[in-house]
Protein backbone atom coordinates (compact mmCIF):
# COMPACT_ATOMS: atom_id res chain seq x y z
CA MET A 1 0.00 0.00 0.00
CA THR A 2 1.25 3.48 -0.89
CA PRO A 3 0.53 5.58 2.21
CA ARG A 4 -1.18 8.93 1.81
CA PRO A 5 1.13 11.77 2.87
CA VAL A 6 0.10 14.63 5.14
CA THR A 7 -0.40 17.69 2.92
CA GLN A 8 -1.52 20.09 5.66
CA LEU A 9 -1.48 20.20 9.46
CA VAL A 10 -4.33 22.31 10.85
CA PRO A 11 -4.12 23.35 14.52
CA ALA A 12 -7.43 23.61 16.33
CA LEU A 13 -8.74 27.15 16.79
CA GLU A 14 -10.75 27.89 19.93
CA VAL A 15 -14.08 29.56 19.12
CA THR A 16 -17.39 30.14 20.89
CA GLU A 17 -20.58 28.61 19.50
CA GLY A 18 -24.22 28.30 20.55
CA ALA A 19 -25.04 30.28 23.69
CA GLY A 20 -21.40 30.31 24.82
CA VAL A 21 -19.89 26.85 24.31
CA ASN A 22 -16.12 26.76 23.82
CA VAL A 23 -15.13 24.45 20.97
CA HIS A 24 -11.90 23.66 19.10
CA ARG A 25 -12.43 24.03 15.34
CA THR A 26 -10.22 22.73 12.54
CA ILE A 27 -12.36 22.59 9.39
CA GLY A 28 -14.21 25.88 8.97
CA THR A 29 -11.27 28.10 9.97
CA PRO A 30 -9.13 30.53 7.92
CA ALA A 31 -6.49 27.78 7.68
CA CYS A 32 -8.96 25.23 6.29
CA ARG A 33 -12.21 26.80 5.14
CA HIS A 34 -13.69 23.66 3.55
CA LEU A 35 -12.45 20.17 2.78
CA ASP A 36 -14.98 18.95 0.21
CA PRO A 37 -17.39 17.39 1.15
CA PHE A 38 -16.64 18.38 4.77
CA LEU A 39 -17.67 21.87 5.85
CA LEU A 40 -16.89 22.06 9.57
CA LEU A 41 -15.35 20.01 12.38
CA ASP A 42 -15.75 21.08 16.01
CA HIS A 43 -14.31 19.24 18.99
CA PHE A 44 -15.82 20.15 22.36
CA SER A 45 -14.01 18.98 25.47
CA SER A 46 -14.22 20.45 28.97
CA ASP A 47 -14.94 19.49 32.57
CA ASP A 48 -15.77 23.13 33.39
CA PRO A 49 -19.56 23.63 33.17
CA ASP A 50 -19.00 27.30 32.33
CA ASP A 51 -17.61 26.07 28.99
CA TYR A 52 -20.69 24.08 27.97
CA SER A 53 -23.73 24.55 30.22
CA ALA A 54 -25.36 27.18 27.97
CA GLY A 55 -25.53 24.60 25.18
CA PHE A 56 -26.84 25.12 21.66
CA PRO A 57 -30.39 26.55 21.84
CA GLU A 58 -32.70 26.47 18.82
CA HIS A 59 -30.95 27.31 15.56
CA PRO A 60 -31.63 26.54 11.87
CA HIS A 61 -29.81 24.48 9.22
CA ARG A 62 -30.32 24.04 5.50
CA GLY A 63 -28.37 22.30 2.73
CA PHE A 64 -26.16 19.73 4.49
CA ASN A 65 -25.88 16.91 7.04
CA THR A 66 -24.70 17.14 10.65
CA PHE A 67 -23.03 14.26 12.50
CA THR A 68 -22.63 14.48 16.28
CA TYR A 69 -20.57 11.95 18.25
CA MET A 70 -20.48 11.98 22.05
CA LEU A 71 -17.40 10.70 23.83
CA ASP A 72 -18.37 11.79 27.36
CA GLY A 73 -21.37 13.55 28.81
CA HIS A 74 -25.05 13.78 28.03
CA MET A 75 -26.83 15.95 25.44
CA ARG A 76 -30.51 16.22 24.55
CA HIS A 77 -31.62 16.85 20.96
CA GLY A 78 -34.92 18.46 20.02
CA ASP A 79 -36.12 19.75 16.65
CA SER A 80 -38.94 21.52 14.87
CA MET A 81 -40.36 18.27 13.51
CA GLY A 82 -40.98 16.87 16.98
CA ASN A 83 -37.99 14.53 17.16
CA ARG A 84 -36.40 14.09 20.57
CA GLY A 85 -33.01 12.45 21.05
CA ASP A 86 -31.02 11.50 24.13
CA LEU A 87 -27.31 11.40 23.31
CA GLY A 88 -25.04 9.82 25.94
CA PRO A 89 -21.43 8.59 26.07
CA GLY A 90 -20.54 6.63 22.94
CA GLY A 91 -23.76 7.56 21.12
CA ALA A 92 -24.16 9.49 17.88
CA GLN A 93 -26.74 11.19 15.69
CA TRP A 94 -26.97 11.90 11.98
CA MET A 95 -29.27 14.72 10.92
CA LYS A 96 -29.95 15.41 7.26
CA ALA A 97 -31.07 19.03 7.44
CA ALA A 98 -31.63 19.30 3.67
CA SER A 99 -34.58 21.68 3.00
CA GLY A 100 -34.66 22.89 6.59
CA VAL A 101 -34.52 21.96 10.28
CA ILE A 102 -34.57 24.05 13.44
CA HIS A 103 -33.05 22.14 16.33
CA SER A 104 -31.34 22.42 19.71
CA GLU A 105 -28.66 20.42 21.52
CA MET A 106 -28.65 21.06 25.25
CA PRO A 107 -26.40 19.53 27.96
CA GLN A 108 -28.16 17.35 30.51
CA GLN A 109 -25.50 17.73 33.21
CA ILE A 110 -24.33 20.50 35.49
CA ASP A 111 -20.79 19.23 36.06
CA GLY A 112 -18.34 16.61 34.81
CA LEU A 113 -16.68 16.07 31.45
CA MET A 114 -18.50 16.95 28.21
CA ARG A 115 -16.60 15.78 25.16
CA GLY A 116 -17.40 14.99 21.55
CA PHE A 117 -17.40 16.08 17.91
CA GLN A 118 -19.71 17.71 15.40
CA LEU A 119 -18.98 17.27 11.70
CA TRP A 120 -20.87 18.99 8.86
CA ILE A 121 -21.04 17.12 5.54
CA ASN A 122 -22.26 18.83 2.40
CA LEU A 123 -25.16 17.70 0.19
CA PRO A 124 -25.17 17.98 -3.62
CA ALA A 125 -27.47 20.53 -5.25
CA SER A 126 -29.89 17.75 -6.20
CA ALA A 127 -30.47 16.88 -2.51
CA LYS A 128 -30.24 20.23 -0.75
CA MET A 129 -34.02 20.79 -0.84
CA SER A 130 -34.97 17.15 -0.22
CA ASP A 131 -36.85 15.99 2.87
CA PRO A 132 -34.90 16.02 6.16
CA GLU A 133 -34.10 12.87 8.13
CA TYR A 134 -32.93 12.13 11.67
CA GLN A 135 -31.06 9.04 12.88
CA GLU A 136 -30.18 8.37 16.52
CA ILE A 137 -27.48 5.77 17.20
CA GLN A 138 -27.10 4.16 20.61
CA PRO A 139 -23.61 3.05 21.73
CA GLU A 140 -24.47 -0.62 21.28
CA GLY A 141 -25.37 0.08 17.63
CA ILE A 142 -21.76 0.99 16.79
CA PRO A 143 -19.53 -1.98 15.88
CA GLU A 144 -16.24 -2.29 17.77
CA ILE A 145 -13.25 -4.03 16.20
CA GLN A 146 -10.22 -4.92 18.29
CA SER A 147 -6.84 -6.28 17.29
CA THR A 148 -3.39 -6.23 18.84
CA GLY A 149 -2.71 -2.67 19.95
CA SER A 150 -5.77 -1.10 18.32
CA ARG A 151 -9.49 -0.57 18.82
CA ILE A 152 -11.94 0.86 16.29
CA ARG A 153 -15.47 2.11 16.81
CA LEU A 154 -16.90 2.04 13.29
CA LEU A 155 -19.34 4.93 12.92
CA ALA A 156 -19.71 4.97 9.12
CA GLY A 157 -18.47 2.93 6.17
CA ARG A 158 -16.97 -0.55 6.05
CA HIS A 159 -13.95 -2.11 7.73
CA GLY A 160 -13.38 -5.77 7.03
CA GLU A 161 -16.71 -7.54 7.41
CA GLN A 162 -18.24 -4.82 9.58
CA GLU A 163 -20.30 -1.81 8.51
CA GLY A 164 -21.06 1.30 10.53
CA PRO A 165 -24.62 2.54 11.10
CA VAL A 166 -24.30 5.88 9.26
CA ARG A 167 -24.84 5.76 5.48
CA ASP A 168 -24.99 8.53 2.91
CA PRO A 169 -25.10 7.64 -0.80
CA HIS A 170 -23.93 11.11 -1.84
CA THR A 171 -20.53 11.13 -0.10
CA GLU A 172 -20.07 7.51 1.08
CA PRO A 173 -18.46 8.63 4.37
CA ARG A 174 -16.10 6.49 6.40
CA ILE A 175 -15.80 7.60 10.04
CA LEU A 176 -13.72 5.73 12.62
CA ASP A 177 -12.91 6.41 16.26
CA LEU A 178 -9.41 4.90 16.38
CA SER A 179 -7.48 4.10 19.57
CA LEU A 180 -3.86 2.89 19.42
CA ASP A 181 -1.60 1.70 22.23
CA ALA A 182 1.85 3.22 22.57
CA GLY A 183 3.94 2.31 19.52
CA ALA A 184 1.09 0.48 17.77
CA HIS A 185 0.86 0.63 13.98
CA PHE A 186 -2.35 0.80 11.92
CA THR A 187 -3.16 0.84 8.21
CA LEU A 188 -6.45 1.52 6.45
CA ASP A 189 -7.27 1.33 2.74
CA LEU A 190 -9.05 4.43 1.44
CA PRO A 191 -10.86 4.84 -1.91
CA ALA A 192 -8.92 6.72 -4.56
CA GLY A 193 -10.14 10.28 -4.96
CA HIS A 194 -11.89 10.45 -1.59
CA THR A 195 -11.01 13.35 0.70
CA ALA A 196 -9.48 12.08 3.96
CA PHE A 197 -8.25 13.53 7.24
CA VAL A 198 -7.21 12.45 10.74
CA HIS A 199 -7.98 14.53 13.85
CA VAL A 200 -5.77 13.50 16.79
CA PHE A 201 -7.44 14.33 20.10
CA GLU A 202 -5.43 12.17 22.53
CA GLY A 203 -1.70 11.53 22.43
CA SER A 204 0.20 11.95 19.18
CA GLY A 205 1.26 9.90 16.19
CA ASP A 206 3.24 9.61 12.99
CA ILE A 207 1.38 9.57 9.67
CA ALA A 208 3.56 8.58 6.71
CA GLY A 209 6.58 10.27 8.29
CA THR A 210 4.81 13.40 9.61
CA GLN A 211 4.42 13.89 13.36
CA VAL A 212 0.84 14.87 14.24
CA PRO A 213 0.38 16.32 17.75
CA ARG A 214 -2.76 16.42 19.85
CA GLN A 215 -5.52 18.83 18.75
CA HIS A 216 -4.29 18.91 15.15
CA LEU A 217 -6.01 17.77 11.98
CA ALA A 218 -3.88 16.11 9.30
CA VAL A 219 -5.19 16.47 5.74
CA LEU A 220 -4.15 13.44 3.67
CA GLY A 221 -3.00 13.62 0.07
CA GLU A 222 -3.32 11.07 -2.70
CA GLY A 223 -2.33 7.45 -2.12
CA GLU A 224 -3.85 4.09 -1.34
CA GLY A 225 -4.55 4.52 2.35
CA LEU A 226 -3.68 5.64 5.85
CA GLU A 227 -0.53 4.50 7.66
CA ILE A 228 -0.29 5.72 11.25
CA GLN A 229 1.84 4.83 14.27
CA ALA A 230 1.17 5.96 17.83
CA GLU A 231 3.94 7.57 19.83
CA THR A 232 4.85 6.91 23.47
CA GLN A 233 1.54 8.05 25.01
CA GLY A 234 -0.63 6.15 22.56
CA LEU A 235 -3.18 7.85 20.37
CA ARG A 236 -6.87 8.39 19.84
CA ALA A 237 -8.11 9.99 16.64
CA LEU A 238 -11.14 10.56 14.45
CA VAL A 239 -10.40 9.16 10.98
CA VAL A 240 -12.73 10.48 8.24
CA ALA A 241 -12.99 10.06 4.48
CA GLY A 242 -15.67 10.88 1.93
CA ARG A 243 -16.32 11.39 -1.76
CA PRO A 244 -16.04 15.05 -2.85
CA ILE A 245 -19.10 16.67 -4.38
CA GLY A 246 -17.22 19.15 -6.57
CA GLU A 247 -19.87 21.90 -6.59
CA PRO A 248 -19.72 25.56 -5.58
CA ILE A 249 -20.02 26.14 -1.82
CA VAL A 250 -21.75 29.32 -0.63
CA GLN A 251 -22.10 29.41 3.15
CA HIS A 252 -23.80 31.87 5.44
CA GLY A 253 -23.62 30.57 8.99
CA PRO A 254 -25.94 27.54 9.26
CA PHE A 255 -27.02 27.66 5.59
CA VAL A 256 -24.89 26.03 2.88
CA MET A 257 -26.07 26.27 -0.73
CA ASN A 258 -24.55 26.55 -4.22
CA HIS A 259 -25.46 30.16 -5.07
CA ARG A 260 -25.90 33.43 -3.18
CA VAL A 261 -29.53 33.76 -4.28
CA GLU A 262 -30.28 30.43 -2.53
CA ILE A 263 -28.74 31.77 0.69
CA GLU A 264 -30.95 34.85 0.44
CA GLN A 265 -33.96 32.57 -0.02
CA ALA A 266 -32.97 30.52 3.04
CA LEU A 267 -32.68 33.68 5.14
CA ALA A 268 -36.07 34.87 3.94
CA ASP A 269 -37.66 31.47 4.58
CA TYR A 270 -36.26 31.43 8.12
CA ARG A 271 -37.42 34.98 8.89
CA GLU A 272 -40.92 34.26 7.57
CA GLY A 273 -41.33 30.81 9.17
CA ARG A 274 -41.08 28.80 5.94
CA LEU A 275 -37.74 27.08 6.54
CA VAL A 276 -39.26 23.85 7.87
CA ARG A 277 -41.30 22.23 5.10
CA THR A 278 -41.46 18.51 5.96
CA ARG A 279 -41.44 16.45 9.14
CA ALA A 280 -38.14 14.58 9.38
CA GLY A 281 -38.02 10.81 9.34
CA PHE A 282 -36.64 9.27 12.54
CA HIS A 283 -35.11 5.95 13.47
CA THR A 284 -32.74 4.56 16.10
CA LEU A 285 -30.04 1.93 15.99
């Protein structure tokens, strides 16, 4: 296998989101505005309730998917279609906002560690105004694969004979929560042409000869797959790949469309109460 090299190292930038939640952002920053089809990656991690207790009150989305993965803590989801989700440690949710969703994500704890990720994945023009969907994934619905020195929680895509619960025909995402013991080595085949990155959030590692420290995102170049080795403290990382869409991206906050006129329409629809058009489908795994 020809390993994919690291073409860019993106340090996490601390920003404030929601009603005052401190997050560390890599995709969606001046250093890495977009990584087609990925639009944003936030990592939230704090045991100080002042950093997270205000949560993410009601806010709109249109034109893309959101994927939320909880590592520690407890978050409640609610949306304008009547869906209610209870996201605990190891659980995840996939929300296809598409034509429009207004939702909230609020912490259900007053102390302790709150830690996880939110990833935004674009939709093609043909699907941006399709019906929304909501998928809640319980921890037991996520396959775990262990081998010597490594553990994978498979959130999306295939690995060996296993398949993760999240599926999207537009971008065919592969999302892994990868843990490596100190010095352990791991390889992963990746489809040619798919965008891929690794976000290291515990320890540090070496990817094809490039040292990747904690709270950095490594953008991978062309090649046949990922080759990573943990350093002395071990490593835990989010490994993500997906098929690019290759269309214009026009973003205004929580709205992502192909043209400015579509953003203006989204803003008008939200102001006039027309953003939500269809009740979202819901299912749990």
